[in-house]
Amino acid sequence: MKNTNRLLRSWVSLICIAVLLASCASTPKSQSTGELLDSAAITAKVKAELALSDSTSALQIDVETFKNEVILSGFVESENERLAAGQIASAVSGVKSVKNSLVVK
């Protein structure tokens, strides 16, 4: 009886661990916990760089990051500002690509 209880507890523990590990894994449409933290850090870095730049209006630019791809959206005053924002975002460490969806007013 003791061996059966031990075996049952072992299986339950293994199943719980498997479920926990699976919930931390990423899929094509979702990020793992680590990827989510990386994306948040990249977003913060890009927003900071845009705010420091004299050639962009950071308050009008929305920044999102998904699996190291930065998506810029919002409205800007000129094509030069749109291009500058894209260049700033692509220069941030960890950024693999930039989708520049900014619209010139």
Foldseek 3Di string as FASTA:
>chain_A
DVVVVVVVVVVVVVVVVVVVVVQQPADPVGHGPVQVVVFVVLQVQLLVQQVPDPLEDSVQWHWGDDSLEIEIEGETADPSRLVVSLVSSVPDPSRPYYHRHYHHD
